[in-house]
Amino acid sequence: MSLFEQQLREETPRSLKALRDAENGCRRCDLYKFATQAVPGEGPKNAPLMLIGEQPGNDEDLDGHPFVGPAGRVLDKALQEAGIDRKQVYVTNAVKHFKHEMRGKRRLHKRPDPGEIEACRWWQRIERELVKPKLMVALGATAARSVFERVITINKVRGEILPLPNGGSALVTIHPSYLLRLQEERDKRAEYTRFVADLSVARDYAQTYL
């Protein structure tokens, strides 16, 4: 039995509600000191797809729910166009607390470092144990690193169904916030179309379960 499997038996929350409560008490890294609250994943148990983003943004930190800000609205639109009902998928983040720096009165996003990603992988693996998704969908480089436990170059594997080192399968695509940063409207349209296509691959893979 691996150390993780032993810890699962001894310490792990046994329901998604218990998991949410436990995440709000997380002290595995220092990000909790600067965030309003943890932002747990949401969705049904046994959801066929688990979508994993990077970390909560400012809106998510204040609201307590994942993907409710501008990037969340892009994701909702793309899911709808890909024929995926968000209520039937589990949506979460690789890191559960908002990492940021102050710029005047604004809180600006900072990318989680490898240690923070590693510390929070504990929660992601428990989510997988509870939900047992047919497919993990990693949205962006941080999510891909968390899921695959190594650095992933998105453009090399984007849109492919890949085996995970600890079992199961995953698909890597961009984070919807990337689309918000693009300046040229033509680039936005092209990348958004590719994003919907990637989500459609995930839908087709899990079609029997949706």
C-alpha atoms as a PDB file:
ATOM      1  CA  MET A   1       0.000   0.000   0.000  1.00  0.00           C
ATOM      2  CA  SER A   2       1.397   3.418  -0.962  1.00  0.00           C
ATOM      3  CA  LEU A   3       1.739   6.240   1.562  1.00  0.00           C
ATOM      4  CA  PHE A   4      -1.066   8.122  -0.186  1.00  0.00           C
ATOM      5  CA  GLU A   5      -3.371   5.077  -0.026  1.00  0.00           C
ATOM      6  CA  GLN A   6      -2.580   4.671   3.667  1.00  0.00           C
ATOM      7  CA  GLN A   7      -3.334   8.344   4.315  1.00  0.00           C
ATOM      8  CA  LEU A   8      -6.566   8.026   2.349  1.00  0.00           C
ATOM      9  CA  ARG A   9      -7.749   5.287   4.693  1.00  0.00           C
ATOM     10  CA  GLU A  10      -6.698   7.102   7.845  1.00  0.00           C
ATOM     11  CA  GLU A  11      -7.332  10.796   7.193  1.00  0.00           C
ATOM     12  CA  THR A  12      -9.410  11.398   4.096  1.00  0.00           C
ATOM     13  CA  PRO A  13     -12.837  13.039   4.055  1.00  0.00           C
ATOM     14  CA  ARG A  14     -15.395  10.498   2.857  1.00  0.00           C
ATOM     15  CA  SER A  15     -17.821  12.864   1.159  1.00  0.00           C
ATOM     16  CA  LEU A  16     -17.624  16.002  -0.946  1.00  0.00           C
ATOM     17  CA  LYS A  17     -19.162  18.030   1.879  1.00  0.00           C
ATOM     18  CA  ALA A  18     -16.560  16.757   4.328  1.00  0.00           C
ATOM     19  CA  LEU A  19     -13.891  17.520   1.743  1.00  0.00           C
ATOM     20  CA  ARG A  20     -15.087  21.124   1.410  1.00  0.00           C
ATOM     21  CA  ASP A  21     -14.988  21.555   5.174  1.00  0.00           C
ATOM     22  CA  ALA A  22     -11.497  20.069   5.357  1.00  0.00           C
ATOM     23  CA  GLU A  23     -10.181  22.295   2.565  1.00  0.00           C
ATOM     24  CA  ASN A  24     -11.369  25.382   4.412  1.00  0.00           C
ATOM     25  CA  GLY A  25      -9.172  24.312   7.316  1.00  0.00           C
ATOM     26  CA  CYS A  26      -6.152  23.580   5.104  1.00  0.00           C
ATOM     27  CA  ARG A  27      -2.753  24.722   6.353  1.00  0.00           C
ATOM     28  CA  ARG A  28      -0.594  22.680   3.961  1.00  0.00           C
ATOM     29  CA  CYS A  29       0.972  25.891   2.567  1.00  0.00           C
ATOM     30  CA  ASP A  30       0.851  29.589   3.507  1.00  0.00           C
ATOM     31  CA  LEU A  31      -1.656  30.757   0.880  1.00  0.00           C
ATOM     32  CA  TYR A  32      -4.534  30.480   3.351  1.00  0.00           C
ATOM     33  CA  LYS A  33      -3.051  33.407   5.309  1.00  0.00           C
ATOM     34  CA  PHE A  34      -3.756  35.869   2.505  1.00  0.00           C
ATOM     35  CA  ALA A  35      -6.963  34.510   0.951  1.00  0.00           C
ATOM     36  CA  THR A  36     -10.526  35.171   2.067  1.00  0.00           C
ATOM     37  CA  GLN A  37     -11.360  31.466   2.062  1.00  0.00           C
ATOM     38  CA  ALA A  38     -10.629  28.205   0.315  1.00  0.00           C
ATOM     39  CA  VAL A  39     -12.587  27.626  -2.885  1.00  0.00           C
ATOM     40  CA  PRO A  40     -13.561  23.940  -3.074  1.00  0.00           C
ATOM     41  CA  GLY A  41     -14.588  22.122  -6.214  1.00  0.00           C
ATOM     42  CA  GLU A  42     -18.249  21.817  -7.169  1.00  0.00           C
ATOM     43  CA  GLY A  43     -20.294  19.296  -9.071  1.00  0.00           C
ATOM     44  CA  PRO A  44     -21.985  15.931  -8.685  1.00  0.00           C
ATOM     45  CA  LYS A  45     -20.328  12.865  -7.298  1.00  0.00           C
ATOM     46  CA  ASN A  46     -19.612  10.406 -10.136  1.00  0.00           C
ATOM     47  CA  ALA A  47     -19.394  13.260 -12.662  1.00  0.00           C
ATOM     48  CA  PRO A  48     -17.874  11.833 -15.866  1.00  0.00           C
ATOM     49  CA  LEU A  49     -15.704  14.929 -16.438  1.00  0.00           C
ATOM     50  CA  MET A  50     -13.549  16.789 -13.915  1.00  0.00           C
ATOM     51  CA  LEU A  51     -12.395  20.213 -15.107  1.00  0.00           C
ATOM     52  CA  ILE A  52      -9.366  21.555 -13.261  1.00  0.00           C
ATOM     53  CA  GLY A  53      -8.270  25.184 -13.446  1.00  0.00           C
ATOM     54  CA  GLU A  54      -5.269  26.913 -11.912  1.00  0.00           C
ATOM     55  CA  GLN A  55      -6.483  28.662  -8.766  1.00  0.00           C
ATOM     56  CA  PRO A  56      -9.360  30.887  -7.647  1.00  0.00           C
ATOM     57  CA  GLY A  57      -9.323  34.456  -8.909  1.00  0.00           C
ATOM     58  CA  ASN A  58     -10.457  37.553  -7.052  1.00  0.00           C
ATOM     59  CA  ASP A  59     -14.168  36.918  -7.703  1.00  0.00           C
ATOM     60  CA  GLU A  60     -13.913  33.252  -6.708  1.00  0.00           C
ATOM     61  CA  ASP A  61     -12.019  34.127  -3.534  1.00  0.00           C
ATOM     62  CA  LEU A  62     -14.782  36.487  -2.456  1.00  0.00           C
ATOM     63  CA  ASP A  63     -17.672  34.295  -3.617  1.00  0.00           C
ATOM     64  CA  GLY A  64     -16.339  30.909  -2.502  1.00  0.00           C
ATOM     65  CA  HIS A  65     -17.219  29.144  -5.781  1.00  0.00           C
ATOM     66  CA  PRO A  66     -14.968  28.132  -8.711  1.00  0.00           C
ATOM     67  CA  PHE A  67     -15.098  29.814 -12.121  1.00  0.00           C
ATOM     68  CA  VAL A  68     -17.604  32.580 -11.349  1.00  0.00           C
ATOM     69  CA  GLY A  69     -15.501  35.473 -12.704  1.00  0.00           C
ATOM     70  CA  PRO A  70     -14.717  36.541 -16.282  1.00  0.00           C
ATOM     71  CA  ALA A  71     -12.838  33.309 -17.099  1.00  0.00           C
ATOM     72  CA  GLY A  72     -15.769  31.350 -15.698  1.00  0.00           C
ATOM     73  CA  ARG A  73     -18.163  33.079 -18.060  1.00  0.00           C
ATOM     74  CA  VAL A  74     -15.919  32.159 -21.007  1.00  0.00           C
ATOM     75  CA  LEU A  75     -15.839  28.573 -19.761  1.00  0.00           C
ATOM     76  CA  ASP A  76     -19.627  28.443 -19.398  1.00  0.00           C
ATOM     77  CA  LYS A  77     -20.109  29.681 -22.962  1.00  0.00           C
ATOM     78  CA  ALA A  78     -17.574  27.199 -24.364  1.00  0.00           C
ATOM     79  CA  LEU A  79     -19.099  24.302 -22.441  1.00  0.00           C
ATOM     80  CA  GLN A  80     -22.526  25.170 -23.807  1.00  0.00           C
ATOM     81  CA  GLU A  81     -21.194  25.308 -27.366  1.00  0.00           C
ATOM     82  CA  ALA A  82     -19.454  21.962 -26.852  1.00  0.00           C
ATOM     83  CA  GLY A  83     -22.728  20.413 -25.696  1.00  0.00           C
ATOM     84  CA  ILE A  84     -21.647  19.957 -22.078  1.00  0.00           C
ATOM     85  CA  ASP A  85     -23.949  20.795 -19.170  1.00  0.00           C
ATOM     86  CA  ARG A  86     -21.807  22.399 -16.459  1.00  0.00           C
ATOM     87  CA  LYS A  87     -24.167  21.012 -13.829  1.00  0.00           C
ATOM     88  CA  GLN A  88     -23.124  17.507 -14.863  1.00  0.00           C
ATOM     89  CA  VAL A  89     -19.361  18.055 -14.543  1.00  0.00           C
ATOM     90  CA  TYR A  90     -17.126  18.587 -11.529  1.00  0.00           C
ATOM     91  CA  VAL A  91     -15.248  21.909 -11.649  1.00  0.00           C
ATOM     92  CA  THR A  92     -12.294  22.609  -9.400  1.00  0.00           C
ATOM     93  CA  ASN A  93      -8.806  24.157  -9.240  1.00  0.00           C
ATOM     94  CA  ALA A  94      -5.313  22.766  -8.784  1.00  0.00           C
ATOM     95  CA  VAL A  95      -4.751  25.234  -5.920  1.00  0.00           C
ATOM     96  CA  LYS A  96      -7.610  26.066  -3.592  1.00  0.00           C
ATOM     97  CA  HIS A  97      -6.575  29.502  -2.278  1.00  0.00           C
ATOM     98  CA  PHE A  98      -6.178  32.766  -4.210  1.00  0.00           C
ATOM     99  CA  LYS A  99      -2.519  33.751  -4.614  1.00  0.00           C
ATOM    100  CA  HIS A 100      -2.106  37.429  -5.344  1.00  0.00           C
ATOM    101  CA  GLU A 101      -0.130  40.604  -4.837  1.00  0.00           C
ATOM    102  CA  MET A 102      -1.475  44.036  -4.014  1.00  0.00           C
ATOM    103  CA  ARG A 103      -1.221  46.750  -6.656  1.00  0.00           C
ATOM    104  CA  GLY A 104      -2.724  49.777  -4.964  1.00  0.00           C
ATOM    105  CA  LYS A 105      -6.147  48.564  -3.875  1.00  0.00           C
ATOM    106  CA  ARG A 106      -6.268  45.815  -6.503  1.00  0.00           C
ATOM    107  CA  ARG A 107      -5.396  42.184  -5.868  1.00  0.00           C
ATOM    108  CA  LEU A 108      -3.521  40.862  -8.897  1.00  0.00           C
ATOM    109  CA  HIS A 109      -3.214  37.175  -9.664  1.00  0.00           C
ATOM    110  CA  LYS A 110       0.157  35.455  -9.073  1.00  0.00           C
ATOM    111  CA  ARG A 111       0.894  32.012 -10.471  1.00  0.00           C
ATOM    112  CA  PRO A 112       1.253  29.274  -7.824  1.00  0.00           C
ATOM    113  CA  ASP A 113       4.779  27.951  -7.418  1.00  0.00           C
ATOM    114  CA  PRO A 114       5.715  24.237  -7.620  1.00  0.00           C
ATOM    115  CA  GLY A 115       5.621  23.806  -3.842  1.00  0.00           C
ATOM    116  CA  GLU A 116       2.112  25.211  -3.611  1.00  0.00           C
ATOM    117  CA  ILE A 117       0.935  23.020  -6.485  1.00  0.00           C
ATOM    118  CA  GLU A 118       2.450  19.983  -4.807  1.00  0.00           C
ATOM    119  CA  ALA A 119       0.906  20.808  -1.419  1.00  0.00           C
ATOM    120  CA  CYS A 120      -2.547  21.146  -2.962  1.00  0.00           C
ATOM    121  CA  ARG A 121      -2.276  17.997  -5.071  1.00  0.00           C
ATOM    122  CA  TRP A 122      -3.359  16.154  -1.925  1.00  0.00           C
ATOM    123  CA  TRP A 123      -6.861  17.635  -2.300  1.00  0.00           C
ATOM    124  CA  GLN A 124      -7.032  16.980  -6.034  1.00  0.00           C
ATOM    125  CA  ARG A 125      -6.230  13.302  -5.547  1.00  0.00           C
ATOM    126  CA  ILE A 126      -8.929  13.013  -2.895  1.00  0.00           C
ATOM    127  CA  GLU A 127     -11.403  14.684  -5.266  1.00  0.00           C
ATOM    128  CA  ARG A 128     -10.530  12.050  -7.855  1.00  0.00           C
ATOM    129  CA  GLU A 129     -11.032   9.265  -5.329  1.00  0.00           C
ATOM    130  CA  LEU A 130     -14.482  10.601  -4.423  1.00  0.00           C
ATOM    131  CA  VAL A 131     -15.755  11.611  -7.877  1.00  0.00           C
ATOM    132  CA  LYS A 132     -14.020   8.945 -10.010  1.00  0.00           C
ATOM    133  CA  PRO A 133     -14.304  10.929 -13.259  1.00  0.00           C
ATOM    134  CA  LYS A 134     -14.054   9.212 -16.615  1.00  0.00           C
ATOM    135  CA  LEU A 135     -11.722  11.992 -17.784  1.00  0.00           C
ATOM    136  CA  MET A 136      -9.746  14.825 -16.205  1.00  0.00           C
ATOM    137  CA  VAL A 137      -9.594  18.057 -18.238  1.00  0.00           C
ATOM    138  CA  ALA A 138      -6.591  20.195 -17.264  1.00  0.00           C
ATOM    139  CA  LEU A 139      -7.186  23.865 -18.080  1.00  0.00           C
ATOM    140  CA  GLY A 140      -3.767  25.458 -18.438  1.00  0.00           C
ATOM    141  CA  ALA A 141      -0.176  24.694 -17.459  1.00  0.00           C
ATOM    142  CA  THR A 142      -0.640  24.764 -13.679  1.00  0.00           C
ATOM    143  CA  ALA A 143      -3.538  22.336 -13.844  1.00  0.00           C
ATOM    144  CA  ALA A 144      -1.587  20.073 -16.220  1.00  0.00           C
ATOM    145  CA  ARG A 145       1.395  20.065 -13.874  1.00  0.00           C
ATOM    146  CA  SER A 146      -0.840  19.119 -10.977  1.00  0.00           C
ATOM    147  CA  VAL A 147      -2.609  16.344 -12.875  1.00  0.00           C
ATOM    148  CA  PHE A 148       0.464  14.807 -14.544  1.00  0.00           C
ATOM    149  CA  GLU A 149       2.861  15.546 -11.666  1.00  0.00           C
ATOM    150  CA  ARG A 150       5.375  17.104 -14.065  1.00  0.00           C
ATOM    151  CA  VAL A 151       5.742  20.082 -16.383  1.00  0.00           C
ATOM    152  CA  ILE A 152       3.588  19.751 -19.502  1.00  0.00           C
ATOM    153  CA  THR A 153       3.966  21.763 -22.732  1.00  0.00           C
ATOM    154  CA  ILE A 154       0.368  22.429 -23.704  1.00  0.00           C
ATOM    155  CA  ASN A 155       0.919  22.860 -27.444  1.00  0.00           C
ATOM    156  CA  LYS A 156       2.575  19.453 -27.700  1.00  0.00           C
ATOM    157  CA  VAL A 157      -0.333  17.478 -26.233  1.00  0.00           C
ATOM    158  CA  ARG A 158      -3.333  19.790 -26.500  1.00  0.00           C
ATOM    159  CA  GLY A 159      -6.635  18.081 -27.224  1.00  0.00           C
ATOM    160  CA  GLU A 160      -5.283  14.526 -26.869  1.00  0.00           C
ATOM    161  CA  ILE A 161      -6.529  11.838 -24.483  1.00  0.00           C
ATOM    162  CA  LEU A 162      -3.482  10.881 -22.429  1.00  0.00           C
ATOM    163  CA  PRO A 163      -2.899   8.248 -19.728  1.00  0.00           C
ATOM    164  CA  LEU A 164      -2.131   9.508 -16.241  1.00  0.00           C
ATOM    165  CA  PRO A 165       0.834   8.200 -14.243  1.00  0.00           C
ATOM    166  CA  ASN A 166      -1.418   7.028 -11.400  1.00  0.00           C
ATOM    167  CA  GLY A 167      -4.232   5.657 -13.560  1.00  0.00           C
ATOM    168  CA  GLY A 168      -7.080   7.220 -15.489  1.00  0.00           C
ATOM    169  CA  SER A 169      -6.965   9.610 -18.436  1.00  0.00           C
ATOM    170  CA  ALA A 170      -6.676  13.331 -18.990  1.00  0.00           C
ATOM    171  CA  LEU A 171      -6.944  15.952 -21.715  1.00  0.00           C
ATOM    172  CA  VAL A 172      -4.950  19.198 -21.650  1.00  0.00           C
ATOM    173  CA  THR A 173      -6.162  22.482 -23.091  1.00  0.00           C
ATOM    174  CA  ILE A 174      -5.788  26.197 -22.402  1.00  0.00           C
ATOM    175  CA  HIS A 175      -7.200  28.019 -19.403  1.00  0.00           C
ATOM    176  CA  PRO A 176     -10.098  30.265 -20.472  1.00  0.00           C
ATOM    177  CA  SER A 177      -8.319  33.284 -18.946  1.00  0.00           C
ATOM    178  CA  TYR A 178      -5.796  32.980 -21.806  1.00  0.00           C
ATOM    179  CA  LEU A 179      -8.541  33.999 -24.218  1.00  0.00           C
ATOM    180  CA  LEU A 180      -9.188  37.142 -22.186  1.00  0.00           C
ATOM    181  CA  ARG A 181      -5.552  38.193 -22.536  1.00  0.00           C
ATOM    182  CA  LEU A 182      -5.428  37.987 -26.323  1.00  0.00           C
ATOM    183  CA  GLN A 183      -5.479  41.397 -27.994  1.00  0.00           C
ATOM    184  CA  GLU A 184      -6.314  40.556 -31.601  1.00  0.00           C
ATOM    185  CA  GLU A 185      -9.953  39.658 -32.243  1.00  0.00           C
ATOM    186  CA  ARG A 186      -8.951  37.180 -34.951  1.00  0.00           C
ATOM    187  CA  ASP A 187      -6.659  35.358 -32.514  1.00  0.00           C
ATOM    188  CA  LYS A 188      -9.414  35.289 -29.903  1.00  0.00           C
ATOM    189  CA  ARG A 189     -11.872  33.711 -32.321  1.00  0.00           C
ATOM    190  CA  ALA A 190      -9.381  31.111 -33.513  1.00  0.00           C
ATOM    191  CA  GLU A 191      -8.279  30.118 -30.016  1.00  0.00           C
ATOM    192  CA  TYR A 192     -11.845  30.041 -28.727  1.00  0.00           C
ATOM    193  CA  THR A 193     -12.821  27.713 -31.584  1.00  0.00           C
ATOM    194  CA  ARG A 194      -9.920  25.411 -30.684  1.00  0.00           C
ATOM    195  CA  PHE A 195     -10.962  25.529 -27.023  1.00  0.00           C
ATOM    196  CA  VAL A 196     -14.509  24.443 -27.869  1.00  0.00           C
ATOM    197  CA  ALA A 197     -13.074  21.688 -30.075  1.00  0.00           C
ATOM    198  CA  ASP A 198     -10.906  20.445 -27.187  1.00  0.00           C
ATOM    199  CA  LEU A 199     -13.924  20.345 -24.887  1.00  0.00           C
ATOM    200  CA  SER A 200     -15.835  18.482 -27.592  1.00  0.00           C
ATOM    201  CA  VAL A 201     -13.130  15.786 -27.606  1.00  0.00           C
ATOM    202  CA  ALA A 202     -13.635  15.446 -23.854  1.00  0.00           C
ATOM    203  CA  ARG A 203     -17.405  15.280 -24.345  1.00  0.00           C
ATOM    204  CA  ASP A 204     -17.101  12.544 -26.939  1.00  0.00           C
ATOM    205  CA  TYR A 205     -14.777  10.519 -24.714  1.00  0.00           C
ATOM    206  CA  ALA A 206     -17.246  10.632 -21.839  1.00  0.00           C
ATOM    207  CA  GLN A 207     -20.406  10.729 -24.013  1.00  0.00           C
ATOM    208  CA  THR A 208     -21.807   7.523 -22.568  1.00  0.00           C
ATOM    209  CA  TYR A 209     -21.792   9.093 -19.117  1.00  0.00           C
ATOM    210  CA  LEU A 210     -23.166  12.561 -19.903  1.00  0.00           C
END
